[in-house]
C-alpha atoms as a PDB file:
ATOM      1  CA  MET A   1      -8.126  36.649  13.974  1.00  0.00           C
ATOM      2  CA  LEU A   2      -9.475  33.838  15.336  1.00  0.00           C
ATOM      3  CA  GLY A   3     -13.246  33.762  16.086  1.00  0.00           C
ATOM      4  CA  SER A   4     -13.953  32.659  20.093  1.00  0.00           C
ATOM      5  CA  VAL A   5     -15.043  29.338  19.155  1.00  0.00           C
ATOM      6  CA  THR A   6     -11.986  28.282  17.832  1.00  0.00           C
ATOM      7  CA  LYS A   7      -9.821  29.840  19.893  1.00  0.00           C
ATOM      8  CA  ALA A   8     -11.702  27.583  22.090  1.00  0.00           C
ATOM      9  CA  VAL A   9     -11.130  24.779  21.132  1.00  0.00           C
ATOM     10  CA  LEU A  10      -7.464  25.238  19.819  1.00  0.00           C
ATOM     11  CA  ASP A  11      -6.423  26.283  23.805  1.00  0.00           C
ATOM     12  CA  HIS A  12      -8.055  23.430  24.460  1.00  0.00           C
ATOM     13  CA  HIS A  13      -6.265  20.830  22.136  1.00  0.00           C
ATOM     14  CA  LEU A  14      -3.115  22.750  23.187  1.00  0.00           C
ATOM     15  CA  GLN A  15      -3.405  22.451  27.206  1.00  0.00           C
ATOM     16  CA  ALA A  16      -4.785  18.690  26.764  1.00  0.00           C
ATOM     17  CA  PHE A  17      -1.285  18.097  24.251  1.00  0.00           C
ATOM     18  CA  ALA A  18       1.127  20.300  26.554  1.00  0.00           C
ATOM     19  CA  SER A  19      -0.107  17.768  29.638  1.00  0.00           C
ATOM     20  CA  ALA A  20       0.518  14.839  28.137  1.00  0.00           C
ATOM     21  CA  ASP A  21      -3.683  13.870  28.303  1.00  0.00           C
ATOM     22  CA  VAL A  22      -4.554  12.141  25.219  1.00  0.00           C
ATOM     23  CA  ASP A  23      -8.074  11.736  26.252  1.00  0.00           C
ATOM     24  CA  ALA A  24      -8.516  15.390  27.046  1.00  0.00           C
ATOM     25  CA  LEU A  25      -7.141  15.527  23.384  1.00  0.00           C
ATOM     26  CA  LEU A  26      -9.165  13.780  22.106  1.00  0.00           C
ATOM     27  CA  ARG A  27     -12.701  15.087  22.887  1.00  0.00           C
ATOM     28  CA  ASP A  28     -11.219  17.475  20.229  1.00  0.00           C
ATOM     29  CA  PHE A  29     -12.171  15.002  17.317  1.00  0.00           C
ATOM     30  CA  VAL A  30     -15.391  12.868  16.797  1.00  0.00           C
ATOM     31  CA  ASP A  31     -14.600   9.643  14.508  1.00  0.00           C
ATOM     32  CA  GLU A  32     -14.853  11.195  11.644  1.00  0.00           C
ATOM     33  CA  SER A  33     -11.854  12.943  11.802  1.00  0.00           C
ATOM     34  CA  VAL A  34      -8.584  12.969  10.209  1.00  0.00           C
ATOM     35  CA  VAL A  35      -4.733  14.329  11.471  1.00  0.00           C
ATOM     36  CA  PHE A  36      -2.711  14.845   8.668  1.00  0.00           C
ATOM     37  CA  SER A  37       1.599  14.729   9.335  1.00  0.00           C
ATOM     38  CA  PRO A  38       4.185  14.576   6.912  1.00  0.00           C
ATOM     39  CA  ASP A  39       4.974  11.094   7.892  1.00  0.00           C
ATOM     40  CA  ALA A  40       0.749   9.550   7.620  1.00  0.00           C
ATOM     41  CA  THR A  41      -2.881  10.584   7.804  1.00  0.00           C
ATOM     42  CA  PHE A  42      -5.119   9.181  10.401  1.00  0.00           C
ATOM     43  CA  ARG A  43      -8.618   8.709  10.126  1.00  0.00           C
ATOM     44  CA  GLY A  44     -10.781   8.148  13.453  1.00  0.00           C
ATOM     45  CA  ARG A  45     -10.311   8.236  17.255  1.00  0.00           C
ATOM     46  CA  ASP A  46      -8.705   4.558  17.014  1.00  0.00           C
ATOM     47  CA  GLU A  47      -5.724   5.751  15.569  1.00  0.00           C
ATOM     48  CA  ILE A  48      -5.229   9.849  16.471  1.00  0.00           C
ATOM     49  CA  ARG A  49      -4.921   8.179  19.873  1.00  0.00           C
ATOM     50  CA  ALA A  50      -2.014   6.399  18.870  1.00  0.00           C
ATOM     51  CA  PHE A  51      -0.596   8.543  17.210  1.00  0.00           C
ATOM     52  CA  PHE A  52      -1.006  11.455  20.020  1.00  0.00           C
ATOM     53  CA  THR A  53       0.309   8.850  22.239  1.00  0.00           C
ATOM     54  CA  GLN A  54       3.172   8.219  20.380  1.00  0.00           C
ATOM     55  CA  ALA A  55       4.131  11.966  19.936  1.00  0.00           C
ATOM     56  CA  MET A  56       3.497  12.884  23.620  1.00  0.00           C
ATOM     57  CA  GLN A  57       6.185  10.777  24.414  1.00  0.00           C
ATOM     58  CA  LEU A  58       8.734  13.088  22.408  1.00  0.00           C
ATOM     59  CA  PHE A  59       7.385  15.959  25.051  1.00  0.00           C
ATOM     60  CA  PRO A  60       7.587  15.301  28.319  1.00  0.00           C
ATOM     61  CA  ALA A  61       4.227  17.046  30.076  1.00  0.00           C
ATOM     62  CA  GLN A  62       6.526  18.809  32.444  1.00  0.00           C
ATOM     63  CA  GLY A  63       8.670  21.248  30.928  1.00  0.00           C
ATOM     64  CA  THR A  64       6.540  21.340  27.879  1.00  0.00           C
ATOM     65  CA  THR A  65       5.470  24.878  26.628  1.00  0.00           C
ATOM     66  CA  ILE A  66       3.574  26.214  23.617  1.00  0.00           C
ATOM     67  CA  ASP A  67       3.719  29.763  22.243  1.00  0.00           C
ATOM     68  CA  LEU A  68       1.764  30.927  19.131  1.00  0.00           C
ATOM     69  CA  LYS A  69       2.349  33.766  17.538  1.00  0.00           C
END
């Protein structure tokens, strides 16, 4: 079970992604953050911003839903 802080961060992150709000999404990262994808590793907020900007183009804000079980 997720702790309340972890759940709050995850909820914020998913809402920002579903809304295609890169600035809000980046509030969940620090300059030292690293994101791993199947194809590459993204280090720091600038690379992470570029990654999510490109990813969000694949998921239009209108009509995108995220359902975790």
